[in-house]
Amino acid sequence: MKKEVNIASEWLAGRVVPGYHNGTVFGFPTANIALEVPTVIEKGVYAVCVRARGLHYGGMMYVGTRPTLQLEAFTIEIHLFGFKGDLYGEDILFRIVGKIREEHQFESTEALIRQLSADKITALEMLAHGETGI
């Protein structure tokens, strides 16, 4: 049985696992997350707070199947603002601050990258004006 997430209230735990590296190619490297406890999170893009390696980061999280890239596997990926390096095999905690948008299939990867840039601005604004818990 999967647990449902109460947005902006609880911390979720997961382990960083290897992905396809598409985020890195697009200029938005992500940590792909395997959740510790199966959890229902609606598809979309979210502003998140993250605890990794004892430090706190803001970020944006994607939950879905990456339809623009014609992939079908469900993924949870987090782009941590200001983080350099990799976290493969490490455990992290994250909390959803708010939803930015629904999952969307874009006409091109260039359009997706433009939207990711806009999503980052929105996430930074949400984190700056919201209760971040960090």
C-alpha atoms as a PDB file:
ATOM      1  CA  MET A   1       0.000   0.000   0.000  1.00  0.00           C
ATOM      2  CA  LYS A   2       1.328   3.420  -0.943  1.00  0.00           C
ATOM      3  CA  LYS A   3       1.160   6.316   1.417  1.00  0.00           C
ATOM      4  CA  GLU A   4      -0.251   9.668   0.261  1.00  0.00           C
ATOM      5  CA  VAL A   5       1.831  12.809   0.737  1.00  0.00           C
ATOM      6  CA  ASN A   6       0.565  15.797   2.681  1.00  0.00           C
ATOM      7  CA  ILE A   7       2.272  18.532   0.632  1.00  0.00           C
ATOM      8  CA  ALA A   8       4.473  20.949   2.570  1.00  0.00           C
ATOM      9  CA  SER A   9       4.289  19.068   5.832  1.00  0.00           C
ATOM     10  CA  GLU A  10       6.333  15.899   5.849  1.00  0.00           C
ATOM     11  CA  TRP A  11       9.864  14.943   4.973  1.00  0.00           C
ATOM     12  CA  LEU A  12      10.302  11.995   2.614  1.00  0.00           C
ATOM     13  CA  ALA A  13      13.387   9.803   2.462  1.00  0.00           C
ATOM     14  CA  GLY A  14      15.003   8.221  -0.547  1.00  0.00           C
ATOM     15  CA  ARG A  15      18.231   6.901  -1.980  1.00  0.00           C
ATOM     16  CA  VAL A  16      19.898   8.508  -5.006  1.00  0.00           C
ATOM     17  CA  VAL A  17      20.101   6.033  -7.887  1.00  0.00           C
ATOM     18  CA  PRO A  18      21.614   6.297 -11.378  1.00  0.00           C
ATOM     19  CA  GLY A  19      19.461   7.729 -14.153  1.00  0.00           C
ATOM     20  CA  TYR A  20      19.785   8.499 -17.863  1.00  0.00           C
ATOM     21  CA  HIS A  21      21.726  11.780 -17.333  1.00  0.00           C
ATOM     22  CA  ASN A  22      19.236  13.733 -19.474  1.00  0.00           C
ATOM     23  CA  GLY A  23      19.068  16.473 -16.841  1.00  0.00           C
ATOM     24  CA  THR A  24      22.829  16.959 -17.047  1.00  0.00           C
ATOM     25  CA  VAL A  25      22.650  17.212 -20.844  1.00  0.00           C
ATOM     26  CA  PHE A  26      19.897  19.846 -20.493  1.00  0.00           C
ATOM     27  CA  GLY A  27      21.828  21.881 -17.910  1.00  0.00           C
ATOM     28  CA  PHE A  28      19.704  20.712 -14.960  1.00  0.00           C
ATOM     29  CA  PRO A  29      21.458  17.703 -13.395  1.00  0.00           C
ATOM     30  CA  THR A  30      19.151  15.697 -11.169  1.00  0.00           C
ATOM     31  CA  ALA A  31      19.335  13.198  -8.357  1.00  0.00           C
ATOM     32  CA  ASN A  32      17.025  10.312  -9.244  1.00  0.00           C
ATOM     33  CA  ILE A  33      15.260   9.156  -6.099  1.00  0.00           C
ATOM     34  CA  ALA A  34      14.145   5.672  -5.052  1.00  0.00           C
ATOM     35  CA  LEU A  35      11.746   6.371  -2.184  1.00  0.00           C
ATOM     36  CA  GLU A  36      12.275   4.555   1.100  1.00  0.00           C
ATOM     37  CA  VAL A  37       8.512   4.114   1.545  1.00  0.00           C
ATOM     38  CA  PRO A  38       6.263   3.790  -1.537  1.00  0.00           C
ATOM     39  CA  THR A  39       4.428   7.107  -1.707  1.00  0.00           C
ATOM     40  CA  VAL A  40       1.797   8.634  -3.986  1.00  0.00           C
ATOM     41  CA  ILE A  41       2.943  11.932  -5.462  1.00  0.00           C
ATOM     42  CA  GLU A  42       0.989  13.375  -8.390  1.00  0.00           C
ATOM     43  CA  LYS A  43       2.877  13.840 -11.643  1.00  0.00           C
ATOM     44  CA  GLY A  44       4.275  17.338 -12.093  1.00  0.00           C
ATOM     45  CA  VAL A  45       7.004  19.768 -11.092  1.00  0.00           C
ATOM     46  CA  TYR A  46       7.434  20.930  -7.489  1.00  0.00           C
ATOM     47  CA  ALA A  47       9.537  23.300  -5.397  1.00  0.00           C
ATOM     48  CA  VAL A  48      11.287  21.274  -2.687  1.00  0.00           C
ATOM     49  CA  CYS A  49      13.582  21.608   0.308  1.00  0.00           C
ATOM     50  CA  VAL A  50      16.317  18.989   0.434  1.00  0.00           C
ATOM     51  CA  ARG A  51      18.679  17.702   3.124  1.00  0.00           C
ATOM     52  CA  ALA A  52      21.753  15.994   1.681  1.00  0.00           C
ATOM     53  CA  ARG A  53      25.154  15.330   3.254  1.00  0.00           C
ATOM     54  CA  GLY A  54      24.097  17.319   6.302  1.00  0.00           C
ATOM     55  CA  LEU A  55      23.396  20.445   4.223  1.00  0.00           C
ATOM     56  CA  HIS A  56      20.164  22.105   3.130  1.00  0.00           C
ATOM     57  CA  TYR A  57      19.267  22.970  -0.451  1.00  0.00           C
ATOM     58  CA  GLY A  58      16.347  24.352  -2.345  1.00  0.00           C
ATOM     59  CA  GLY A  59      15.430  22.555  -5.515  1.00  0.00           C
ATOM     60  CA  MET A  60      12.841  21.556  -8.019  1.00  0.00           C
ATOM     61  CA  MET A  61      11.482  18.055  -8.362  1.00  0.00           C
ATOM     62  CA  TYR A  62       9.973  16.304 -11.357  1.00  0.00           C
ATOM     63  CA  VAL A  63       7.601  13.380 -10.903  1.00  0.00           C
ATOM     64  CA  GLY A  64       6.423  11.516 -13.984  1.00  0.00           C
ATOM     65  CA  THR A  65       7.319   9.557 -17.105  1.00  0.00           C
ATOM     66  CA  ARG A  66       9.193  12.166 -19.233  1.00  0.00           C
ATOM     67  CA  PRO A  67       6.796  12.166 -22.228  1.00  0.00           C
ATOM     68  CA  THR A  68       8.870  14.701 -24.199  1.00  0.00           C
ATOM     69  CA  LEU A  69      11.723  12.186 -24.213  1.00  0.00           C
ATOM     70  CA  GLN A  70       9.311   9.350 -25.086  1.00  0.00           C
ATOM     71  CA  LEU A  71      10.237   7.412 -21.967  1.00  0.00           C
ATOM     72  CA  GLU A  72       7.710   5.380 -20.011  1.00  0.00           C
ATOM     73  CA  ALA A  73       9.425   4.587 -16.719  1.00  0.00           C
ATOM     74  CA  PHE A  74       8.074   6.542 -13.750  1.00  0.00           C
ATOM     75  CA  THR A  75      10.740   8.697 -12.095  1.00  0.00           C
ATOM     76  CA  ILE A  76      11.258  11.118  -9.242  1.00  0.00           C
ATOM     77  CA  GLU A  77      14.146  13.495  -9.955  1.00  0.00           C
ATOM     78  CA  ILE A  78      15.401  16.486  -7.966  1.00  0.00           C
ATOM     79  CA  HIS A  79      17.588  19.319  -9.271  1.00  0.00           C
ATOM     80  CA  LEU A  80      19.355  20.793  -6.220  1.00  0.00           C
ATOM     81  CA  PHE A  81      20.130  24.499  -6.548  1.00  0.00           C
ATOM     82  CA  GLY A  82      23.814  25.220  -5.975  1.00  0.00           C
ATOM     83  CA  PHE A  83      24.908  21.590  -5.642  1.00  0.00           C
ATOM     84  CA  LYS A  84      27.986  20.303  -7.481  1.00  0.00           C
ATOM     85  CA  GLY A  85      28.995  16.647  -7.611  1.00  0.00           C
ATOM     86  CA  ASP A  86      26.963  13.477  -7.351  1.00  0.00           C
ATOM     87  CA  LEU A  87      25.026  11.768  -4.606  1.00  0.00           C
ATOM     88  CA  TYR A  88      24.815   8.225  -6.014  1.00  0.00           C
ATOM     89  CA  GLY A  89      24.000   5.697  -3.306  1.00  0.00           C
ATOM     90  CA  GLU A  90      23.395   8.364  -0.660  1.00  0.00           C
ATOM     91  CA  ASP A  91      20.214   8.867   1.325  1.00  0.00           C
ATOM     92  CA  ILE A  92      18.498  12.242   1.193  1.00  0.00           C
ATOM     93  CA  LEU A  93      15.423  13.837   2.710  1.00  0.00           C
ATOM     94  CA  PHE A  94      13.099  16.186   0.865  1.00  0.00           C
ATOM     95  CA  ARG A  95       9.901  18.077   1.535  1.00  0.00           C
ATOM     96  CA  ILE A  96       7.497  19.460  -1.050  1.00  0.00           C
ATOM     97  CA  VAL A  97       6.942  23.211  -0.684  1.00  0.00           C
ATOM     98  CA  GLY A  98       4.433  23.574  -3.511  1.00  0.00           C
ATOM     99  CA  LYS A  99       3.441  22.457  -6.976  1.00  0.00           C
ATOM    100  CA  ILE A 100       4.734  24.502  -9.907  1.00  0.00           C
ATOM    101  CA  ARG A 101       2.915  22.815 -12.801  1.00  0.00           C
ATOM    102  CA  GLU A 102       1.490  19.606 -14.207  1.00  0.00           C
ATOM    103  CA  GLU A 103       3.494  17.163 -16.316  1.00  0.00           C
ATOM    104  CA  HIS A 104       3.488  18.264 -19.969  1.00  0.00           C
ATOM    105  CA  GLN A 105       4.758  16.905 -23.270  1.00  0.00           C
ATOM    106  CA  PHE A 106       6.736  19.597 -25.079  1.00  0.00           C
ATOM    107  CA  GLU A 107       7.202  19.827 -28.842  1.00  0.00           C
ATOM    108  CA  SER A 108      11.005  19.724 -28.499  1.00  0.00           C
ATOM    109  CA  THR A 109      13.801  19.376 -25.973  1.00  0.00           C
ATOM    110  CA  GLU A 110      14.564  23.078 -26.543  1.00  0.00           C
ATOM    111  CA  ALA A 111      11.024  23.956 -25.415  1.00  0.00           C
ATOM    112  CA  LEU A 112      11.470  21.673 -22.392  1.00  0.00           C
ATOM    113  CA  ILE A 113      14.735  23.411 -21.466  1.00  0.00           C
ATOM    114  CA  ARG A 114      13.062  26.840 -21.729  1.00  0.00           C
ATOM    115  CA  GLN A 115      10.296  25.610 -19.427  1.00  0.00           C
ATOM    116  CA  LEU A 116      12.819  24.182 -16.945  1.00  0.00           C
ATOM    117  CA  SER A 117      14.467  27.612 -16.772  1.00  0.00           C
ATOM    118  CA  ALA A 118      11.078  29.190 -16.023  1.00  0.00           C
ATOM    119  CA  ASP A 119      10.310  26.433 -13.481  1.00  0.00           C
ATOM    120  CA  LYS A 120      13.578  27.192 -11.675  1.00  0.00           C
ATOM    121  CA  ILE A 121      12.634  30.866 -11.336  1.00  0.00           C
ATOM    122  CA  THR A 122       9.221  29.883  -9.993  1.00  0.00           C
ATOM    123  CA  ALA A 123      10.738  27.390  -7.539  1.00  0.00           C
ATOM    124  CA  LEU A 124      13.223  29.982  -6.256  1.00  0.00           C
ATOM    125  CA  GLU A 125      10.372  32.462  -5.728  1.00  0.00           C
ATOM    126  CA  MET A 126       8.275  29.857  -3.912  1.00  0.00           C
ATOM    127  CA  LEU A 127      11.196  28.933  -1.660  1.00  0.00           C
ATOM    128  CA  ALA A 128      12.005  32.584  -0.946  1.00  0.00           C
ATOM    129  CA  HIS A 129       8.420  33.449  -0.010  1.00  0.00           C
ATOM    130  CA  GLY A 130       7.257  30.209   1.543  1.00  0.00           C
ATOM    131  CA  GLU A 131       7.914  28.349   4.730  1.00  0.00           C
ATOM    132  CA  THR A 132      10.879  26.195   3.760  1.00  0.00           C
ATOM    133  CA  GLY A 133      11.642  24.425   6.999  1.00  0.00           C
ATOM    134  CA  ILE A 134      15.386  24.897   6.551  1.00  0.00           C
END
